[in-house]
Amino acid sequence: MAASELIQDDDDIRPHVEVNVTTTNPVSPPPPQRAVNGKASLHAPSPSPPTAGEPRPEVGGVGSLLMQHQLVRSLTRGLRRHCDYVKISVPEERADRLPREWWKTGVAFLYAVFNLVFTTVVITVVHERVPDKSVSPPLPDKFFDYVDRVPWAFTVTEVNGLILVGLWLIQWLLLEHKSIVGRRCFFLIGTLYMYRCITMYVTTLPVPGRHMVCAPKLYNDSTGKIWRILRLISGGGLSLTGSHMMCGDFLYSGHTVMCTLSYLFIKEYSPRWMWWYHWFCWVLSASGVICILVAHEHYSIDVLVGYIATTRIFWWYHTMANTHALREAPNNFLLRTWWNPIFNFLERNVQTTVPLVFSWPVPLPASCRQRYRMVEGGRDE
């Protein structure tokens, strides 16, 4: 038996190996050919068998058989010593088509952080331009005409938003291709808040309700404005932390953006069989958005524009990312968007749809990895 026959390609290797080595008698050499027409044969005559007094020569195959037998014994000892086995997974072809490129994720993260910080600067600037409630009363809103204000509703919005963001953060950390998904999330957050800076600055709306208490205006006090920016950043722009006491950041709603965007990413990058998880997150998102209006903290147009902007940009981006034929289609009008060059920079080397594969964010200990491999191998069988 050859040594290559002992090592099978199949993963199913049993710890006990039985080998039968059979030694056969050497085949007797053929008799020498006779001369034909008085001429000797061209083949050299075979040596005559040894007589009884001469020693028998050694057979050439005995040494190789002994080596094979030693190899089998060493393999048997190794398998008995290590009864478990390690499954060596061959990397799939798609791994080369989904490069991690963490440096691009870092660029997208800086883009998001810059726009979030810039949003706090714009809020501080716009706050100085908000007209006083005695001069410009709240604008008429149809939702406010039918639904009275509930003071605690905005707290529900912020709690729901924090839960959604926390769930998405945990889910993102467990994704195998978190670098690709992360830069998509960071780019969309940065773009949506950049749009929000523009809409807040070009149109300053009066407060939506007389219940709102705005911080006093600082006018030319640059140091006080810087402290307000830092306080707003440290508190995450939330009313729960007491960091958001300024007005003017109405069009459009940032709370609507975060509740909607968190749900969209949670649903997009989780298995379909987790429908209960999707419904739970949808209830949190929908109730959080509705409570913004119930609390009279934003006009209806603020919430509506925030929802439309968030969903459309998310769907446009992922349509381009998951449909590779559109990236070079001549009739694709999405190629005319201003962010298409940034999209090509982030998604150029992503050649296939990102699969839903989960993994531990930190390396497991050696003992846990050994058990995980054994369980994984048992499932594959």
Protein backbone atom coordinates (compact mmCIF):
# COMPACT_ATOMS: atom_id res chain seq x y z
CA MET A 1 0.00 0.00 0.00
CA ALA A 2 1.37 3.44 -0.97
CA ALA A 3 1.72 6.22 1.63
CA SER A 4 -0.48 8.54 -0.39
CA GLU A 5 -3.37 6.11 -0.05
CA LEU A 6 -3.21 6.45 3.74
CA ILE A 7 -3.87 10.19 3.73
CA GLN A 8 -7.30 10.81 2.29
CA ASP A 9 -8.65 14.12 1.06
CA ASP A 10 -11.88 13.57 2.91
CA ASP A 11 -12.23 15.23 6.32
CA ASP A 12 -13.68 12.04 7.88
CA ILE A 13 -10.53 10.57 9.47
CA ARG A 14 -11.02 7.89 12.10
CA PRO A 15 -8.52 7.58 14.92
CA HIS A 16 -8.05 3.80 14.33
CA VAL A 17 -6.23 2.75 11.17
CA GLU A 18 -5.85 -0.88 10.08
CA VAL A 19 -3.26 -1.75 7.46
CA ASN A 20 -2.68 -5.16 5.97
CA VAL A 21 0.77 -5.54 4.49
CA THR A 22 1.08 -8.66 2.33
CA THR A 23 4.42 -9.89 1.07
CA THR A 24 4.37 -12.07 -2.03
CA ASN A 25 7.08 -14.29 -3.35
CA PRO A 26 9.14 -12.73 -6.10
CA VAL A 27 8.14 -13.76 -9.56
CA SER A 28 10.59 -16.21 -11.05
CA PRO A 29 12.51 -14.75 -13.95
CA PRO A 30 11.49 -15.90 -17.43
CA PRO A 31 13.68 -18.55 -19.08
CA PRO A 32 16.33 -17.31 -21.49
CA GLN A 33 15.21 -17.05 -25.10
CA ARG A 34 16.62 -19.52 -27.55
CA ALA A 35 18.61 -18.58 -30.59
CA VAL A 36 16.58 -18.10 -33.75
CA ASN A 37 18.15 -19.18 -37.08
CA GLY A 38 21.52 -19.66 -35.43
CA LYS A 39 21.58 -16.06 -34.03
CA ALA A 40 21.52 -15.24 -30.38
CA SER A 41 18.71 -13.06 -28.97
CA LEU A 42 19.36 -9.35 -28.46
CA HIS A 43 18.20 -9.54 -24.81
CA ALA A 44 20.79 -10.32 -22.19
CA PRO A 45 20.30 -13.71 -20.56
CA SER A 46 18.69 -13.63 -17.16
CA PRO A 47 20.78 -14.84 -14.25
CA SER A 48 20.25 -18.43 -13.27
CA PRO A 49 18.54 -19.09 -9.94
CA PRO A 50 20.94 -19.58 -7.06
CA THR A 51 21.82 -23.05 -6.02
CA ALA A 52 21.24 -24.50 -2.63
CA GLY A 53 24.68 -23.53 -1.36
CA GLU A 54 24.49 -19.86 -2.48
CA PRO A 55 22.61 -17.21 -0.40
CA ARG A 56 19.34 -15.81 -1.82
CA PRO A 57 19.65 -12.10 -2.89
CA GLU A 58 17.49 -9.51 -1.08
CA VAL A 59 14.27 -8.37 -2.73
CA GLY A 60 14.27 -4.64 -3.63
CA GLY A 61 10.65 -4.01 -2.49
CA VAL A 62 11.17 -5.09 1.11
CA GLY A 63 12.83 -1.80 2.10
CA SER A 64 9.98 0.30 0.74
CA LEU A 65 7.43 -1.93 2.46
CA LEU A 66 9.21 -1.45 5.77
CA MET A 67 9.20 2.33 5.30
CA GLN A 68 5.48 2.25 4.53
CA HIS A 69 4.85 0.14 7.61
CA GLN A 70 6.76 2.62 9.79
CA LEU A 71 4.78 5.50 8.30
CA VAL A 72 1.52 3.72 9.06
CA ARG A 73 2.59 3.10 12.64
CA SER A 74 3.55 6.76 13.13
CA LEU A 75 0.22 7.93 11.70
CA THR A 76 -1.65 5.52 13.96
CA ARG A 77 0.20 6.78 17.04
CA GLY A 78 -0.51 10.40 16.10
CA LEU A 79 -4.19 9.76 15.54
CA ARG A 80 -4.49 7.90 18.84
CA ARG A 81 -2.77 10.78 20.64
CA HIS A 82 -4.99 13.41 18.98
CA CYS A 83 -8.45 11.95 18.61
CA ASP A 84 -9.93 15.25 17.44
CA TYR A 85 -9.26 16.72 14.06
CA VAL A 86 -8.88 20.17 12.61
CA LYS A 87 -10.90 21.17 9.62
CA ILE A 88 -8.87 23.27 7.23
CA SER A 89 -11.28 25.50 5.37
CA VAL A 90 -10.19 26.49 1.90
CA PRO A 91 -10.86 30.20 1.33
CA GLU A 92 -13.69 30.77 -1.05
CA GLU A 93 -13.38 32.65 -4.25
CA ARG A 94 -15.53 35.45 -2.91
CA ALA A 95 -12.95 36.28 -0.23
CA ASP A 96 -10.76 37.91 -2.85
CA ARG A 97 -13.78 39.84 -4.09
CA LEU A 98 -14.53 41.30 -0.66
CA PRO A 99 -11.33 43.00 0.52
CA ARG A 100 -11.43 44.50 3.99
CA GLU A 101 -9.61 47.77 3.26
CA TRP A 102 -9.91 49.16 6.77
CA TRP A 103 -8.17 52.37 5.73
CA LYS A 104 -11.19 53.25 3.57
CA THR A 105 -13.43 52.58 6.56
CA GLY A 106 -11.26 54.99 8.54
CA VAL A 107 -11.68 57.66 5.87
CA ALA A 108 -15.47 57.22 5.94
CA PHE A 109 -15.41 57.41 9.75
CA LEU A 110 -13.53 60.72 9.65
CA TYR A 111 -16.04 61.99 7.08
CA ALA A 112 -18.93 61.13 9.43
CA VAL A 113 -17.23 62.65 12.49
CA PHE A 114 -16.47 65.87 10.61
CA ASN A 115 -20.09 66.34 9.53
CA LEU A 116 -21.41 65.52 12.99
CA VAL A 117 -19.11 68.12 14.57
CA PHE A 118 -19.95 70.59 11.81
CA THR A 119 -23.63 70.05 12.62
CA THR A 120 -23.08 71.27 16.17
CA VAL A 121 -21.36 74.38 14.81
CA VAL A 122 -24.26 75.11 12.46
CA ILE A 123 -26.79 74.59 15.28
CA THR A 124 -24.91 77.13 17.40
CA VAL A 125 -24.90 79.62 14.52
CA VAL A 126 -28.55 79.07 13.62
CA HIS A 127 -29.62 79.39 17.25
CA GLU A 128 -28.66 83.06 17.14
CA ARG A 129 -31.06 83.62 14.23
CA VAL A 130 -34.17 81.93 15.66
CA PRO A 131 -36.91 84.54 16.08
CA ASP A 132 -38.43 85.05 19.49
CA LYS A 133 -41.73 83.31 20.23
CA SER A 134 -43.43 86.62 20.92
CA VAL A 135 -42.42 87.90 17.50
CA SER A 136 -42.85 84.73 15.41
CA PRO A 137 -45.33 82.25 16.90
CA PRO A 138 -45.20 78.56 15.90
CA LEU A 139 -46.26 77.78 12.36
CA PRO A 140 -49.58 75.98 11.83
CA ASP A 141 -49.19 72.22 11.57
CA LYS A 142 -52.00 69.82 10.76
CA PHE A 143 -50.70 67.10 13.11
CA PHE A 144 -50.65 69.56 16.01
CA ASP A 145 -54.25 70.48 15.28
CA TYR A 146 -55.46 66.94 16.00
CA VAL A 147 -52.95 65.62 18.53
CA ASP A 148 -52.23 67.38 21.82
CA ARG A 149 -48.72 67.49 23.17
CA VAL A 150 -47.48 64.70 25.44
CA PRO A 151 -44.47 65.93 27.48
CA TRP A 152 -42.79 62.54 28.01
CA ALA A 153 -43.08 61.42 24.37
CA PHE A 154 -39.72 62.87 23.32
CA THR A 155 -38.01 60.84 26.04
CA VAL A 156 -39.47 57.71 24.44
CA THR A 157 -37.98 58.81 21.13
CA GLU A 158 -34.49 59.19 22.53
CA VAL A 159 -34.64 55.93 24.50
CA ASN A 160 -35.80 54.04 21.40
CA GLY A 161 -33.06 55.66 19.36
CA LEU A 162 -30.39 54.64 21.86
CA ILE A 163 -31.67 51.05 21.88
CA LEU A 164 -31.63 50.88 18.06
CA VAL A 165 -28.14 52.34 17.83
CA GLY A 166 -26.90 49.92 20.50
CA LEU A 167 -28.45 46.91 18.73
CA TRP A 168 -26.94 47.95 15.43
CA LEU A 169 -23.51 48.47 17.02
CA ILE A 170 -23.54 44.94 18.49
CA GLN A 171 -24.76 43.47 15.22
CA TRP A 172 -22.08 45.34 13.26
CA LEU A 173 -19.33 44.06 15.55
CA LEU A 174 -20.45 40.47 14.92
CA LEU A 175 -20.40 40.79 11.12
CA GLU A 176 -17.59 39.10 9.21
CA HIS A 177 -17.35 41.91 6.65
CA LYS A 178 -17.74 44.73 9.15
CA SER A 179 -15.21 46.94 7.36
CA ILE A 180 -17.33 47.14 4.19
CA VAL A 181 -20.61 47.60 6.07
CA GLY A 182 -19.01 50.12 8.42
CA ARG A 183 -17.83 52.47 5.70
CA ARG A 184 -21.27 52.35 4.11
CA CYS A 185 -22.86 53.33 7.41
CA PHE A 186 -20.34 56.10 8.10
CA PHE A 187 -20.74 57.55 4.62
CA LEU A 188 -24.53 57.66 4.87
CA ILE A 189 -24.43 59.24 8.34
CA GLY A 190 -21.99 61.90 7.18
CA THR A 191 -23.95 62.67 4.03
CA LEU A 192 -27.32 62.92 5.79
CA TYR A 193 -25.98 65.26 8.46
CA MET A 194 -24.25 67.36 5.83
CA TYR A 195 -27.62 67.75 4.09
CA ARG A 196 -29.12 68.65 7.46
CA CYS A 197 -26.56 71.39 7.95
CA ILE A 198 -27.56 72.90 4.62
CA THR A 199 -31.31 72.80 5.24
CA MET A 200 -30.96 74.19 8.77
CA TYR A 201 -28.82 77.07 7.61
CA VAL A 202 -30.79 78.15 4.52
CA THR A 203 -34.20 78.07 6.26
CA THR A 204 -34.56 78.95 9.93
CA LEU A 205 -37.97 77.98 11.25
CA PRO A 206 -39.57 79.35 14.44
CA VAL A 207 -40.01 77.02 17.37
CA PRO A 208 -42.83 74.47 16.84
CA GLY A 209 -44.34 75.02 20.29
CA ARG A 210 -44.48 77.65 23.01
CA HIS A 211 -43.41 75.03 25.55
CA MET A 212 -39.85 75.03 24.20
CA VAL A 213 -37.23 76.82 26.30
CA CYS A 214 -34.24 78.03 24.30
CA ALA A 215 -30.89 79.07 25.75
CA PRO A 216 -30.14 82.80 25.68
CA LYS A 217 -28.36 84.15 22.64
CA LEU A 218 -24.67 84.94 22.94
CA TYR A 219 -24.29 87.18 19.87
CA ASN A 220 -20.56 88.06 19.69
CA ASP A 221 -19.41 85.86 22.58
CA SER A 222 -17.18 83.43 20.65
CA THR A 223 -15.86 81.70 23.77
CA GLY A 224 -19.37 80.98 25.03
CA LYS A 225 -20.31 79.54 21.62
CA ILE A 226 -17.29 77.22 21.69
CA TRP A 227 -18.31 75.96 25.13
CA ARG A 228 -21.83 75.33 23.84
CA ILE A 229 -20.43 73.33 20.93
CA LEU A 230 -18.31 71.22 23.26
CA ARG A 231 -21.23 70.66 25.61
CA LEU A 232 -23.43 69.60 22.71
CA ILE A 233 -20.80 67.14 21.47
CA SER A 234 -20.17 65.67 24.91
CA GLY A 235 -23.87 65.02 25.46
CA GLY A 236 -24.46 63.52 22.04
CA GLY A 237 -27.00 66.21 21.18
CA LEU A 238 -29.63 64.55 23.38
CA SER A 239 -32.16 66.20 25.63
CA LEU A 240 -31.76 63.32 28.10
CA THR A 241 -28.22 64.44 28.85
CA GLY A 242 -29.23 68.09 29.17
CA SER A 243 -26.77 69.12 26.46
CA HIS A 244 -29.29 70.30 23.88
CA MET A 245 -30.77 73.65 24.97
CA MET A 246 -30.57 75.44 21.62
CA CYS A 247 -33.24 75.93 19.00
CA GLY A 248 -33.24 76.22 15.26
CA ASP A 249 -32.23 72.68 14.26
CA PHE A 250 -35.66 71.77 13.00
CA LEU A 251 -35.45 71.14 9.25
CA TYR A 252 -34.87 68.27 9.16
CA SER A 253 -35.11 66.02 12.23
CA GLY A 254 -31.87 64.34 13.31
CA HIS A 255 -33.74 61.96 15.61
CA THR A 256 -35.76 60.74 12.61
CA VAL A 257 -32.53 60.11 10.72
CA MET A 258 -30.98 57.99 13.45
CA CYS A 259 -34.12 55.95 14.21
CA THR A 260 -34.77 55.26 10.53
CA LEU A 261 -31.17 54.62 9.49
CA SER A 262 -30.52 52.24 12.40
CA TYR A 263 -33.55 50.16 11.50
CA LEU A 264 -32.62 50.04 7.80
CA PHE A 265 -29.12 48.75 8.55
CA ILE A 266 -30.40 46.25 11.12
CA LYS A 267 -32.88 44.79 8.65
CA GLU A 268 -30.49 44.81 5.67
CA TYR A 269 -27.66 42.99 7.44
CA SER A 270 -29.56 40.37 9.45
CA PRO A 271 -31.05 37.04 8.30
CA ARG A 272 -34.59 36.99 7.03
CA TRP A 273 -35.60 34.24 9.44
CA MET A 274 -35.16 36.74 12.30
CA TRP A 275 -38.49 38.35 11.46
CA TRP A 276 -39.29 38.84 15.15
CA TYR A 277 -36.11 40.88 15.49
CA HIS A 278 -37.04 42.98 12.46
CA TRP A 279 -40.53 43.63 13.78
CA PHE A 280 -39.20 44.60 17.21
CA CYS A 281 -36.78 47.11 15.69
CA TRP A 282 -39.48 48.42 13.35
CA VAL A 283 -41.80 49.08 16.31
CA LEU A 284 -39.01 50.92 18.12
CA SER A 285 -38.24 53.02 15.04
CA ALA A 286 -41.84 53.81 14.11
CA SER A 287 -42.90 54.64 17.65
CA GLY A 288 -39.81 56.82 18.11
CA VAL A 289 -40.57 58.84 14.98
CA ILE A 290 -44.25 59.25 15.89
CA CYS A 291 -43.36 60.38 19.42
CA ILE A 292 -41.34 63.25 17.93
CA LEU A 293 -44.56 64.67 16.57
CA VAL A 294 -46.57 63.77 19.66
CA ALA A 295 -44.10 65.75 21.77
CA HIS A 296 -44.40 68.72 19.36
CA GLU A 297 -40.59 68.92 19.15
CA HIS A 298 -40.53 69.07 15.34
CA TYR A 299 -42.88 70.11 12.60
CA SER A 300 -44.40 67.38 10.45
CA ILE A 301 -42.32 68.59 7.49
CA ASP A 302 -39.14 68.07 9.53
CA VAL A 303 -39.95 64.43 10.16
CA LEU A 304 -41.22 63.82 6.62
CA VAL A 305 -38.14 65.28 4.93
CA GLY A 306 -35.85 63.39 7.31
CA TYR A 307 -37.57 60.09 6.53
CA ILE A 308 -37.53 60.65 2.76
CA ALA A 309 -33.89 61.72 2.69
CA THR A 310 -32.75 58.78 4.84
CA THR A 311 -34.63 56.02 3.02
CA ARG A 312 -33.88 57.27 -0.50
CA ILE A 313 -30.15 57.69 0.02
CA PHE A 314 -29.95 54.29 1.74
CA TRP A 315 -31.83 52.55 -1.07
CA TRP A 316 -29.93 54.34 -3.86
CA TYR A 317 -26.57 53.50 -2.35
CA HIS A 318 -27.37 49.83 -1.75
CA THR A 319 -28.94 49.46 -5.19
CA MET A 320 -25.65 50.59 -6.70
CA ALA A 321 -23.63 48.44 -4.30
CA ASN A 322 -25.60 45.21 -4.87
CA THR A 323 -26.26 45.57 -8.61
CA HIS A 324 -22.85 45.64 -10.25
CA ALA A 325 -24.23 45.98 -13.77
CA LEU A 326 -25.51 49.46 -12.86
CA ARG A 327 -22.05 50.78 -12.07
CA GLU A 328 -21.15 51.01 -15.75
CA ALA A 329 -24.62 51.20 -17.31
CA PRO A 330 -24.82 54.20 -19.66
CA ASN A 331 -28.49 54.88 -18.82
CA ASN A 332 -28.06 54.80 -15.04
CA PHE A 333 -28.93 58.27 -13.80
CA LEU A 334 -27.55 57.47 -10.34
CA LEU A 335 -24.10 57.85 -11.88
CA ARG A 336 -24.84 61.59 -12.09
CA THR A 337 -25.11 62.05 -8.34
CA TRP A 338 -22.40 64.17 -6.74
CA TRP A 339 -21.41 61.31 -4.41
CA ASN A 340 -20.82 58.80 -7.21
CA PRO A 341 -17.00 59.39 -7.20
CA ILE A 342 -16.99 58.75 -3.44
CA PHE A 343 -19.07 55.62 -4.01
CA ASN A 344 -16.55 54.37 -6.58
CA PHE A 345 -13.74 55.03 -4.12
CA LEU A 346 -15.44 53.04 -1.34
CA GLU A 347 -16.90 50.21 -3.44
CA ARG A 348 -14.43 49.82 -6.32
CA ASN A 349 -12.96 46.53 -5.09
CA VAL A 350 -16.20 45.06 -3.73
CA GLN A 351 -17.12 42.74 -6.59
CA THR A 352 -20.06 40.84 -5.10
CA THR A 353 -22.95 41.24 -2.68
CA VAL A 354 -21.84 41.21 0.94
CA PRO A 355 -22.96 37.88 2.46
CA LEU A 356 -24.53 37.62 5.91
CA VAL A 357 -21.67 35.93 7.76
CA PHE A 358 -21.12 36.44 11.48
CA SER A 359 -17.95 35.91 13.50
CA TRP A 360 -16.55 36.81 16.92
CA PRO A 361 -15.04 40.30 16.95
CA VAL A 362 -12.07 39.16 19.11
CA PRO A 363 -9.95 36.00 18.74
CA LEU A 364 -11.10 33.10 20.87
CA PRO A 365 -8.77 31.21 23.27
CA ALA A 366 -7.10 28.08 21.94
CA SER A 367 -9.35 25.72 23.91
CA CYS A 368 -12.52 27.42 22.63
CA ARG A 369 -11.23 27.39 19.07
CA GLN A 370 -10.56 23.65 19.34
CA ARG A 371 -14.09 22.93 20.55
CA TYR A 372 -15.59 25.24 17.94
CA ARG A 373 -13.75 23.41 15.16
CA MET A 374 -14.95 20.04 16.43
CA VAL A 375 -18.57 21.24 16.55
CA GLU A 376 -18.27 22.87 13.14
CA GLY A 377 -16.84 19.67 11.65
CA GLY A 378 -19.63 17.60 13.18
CA ARG A 379 -22.26 19.84 11.61
CA ASP A 380 -20.67 19.54 8.19
CA GLU A 381 -20.82 15.77 8.39
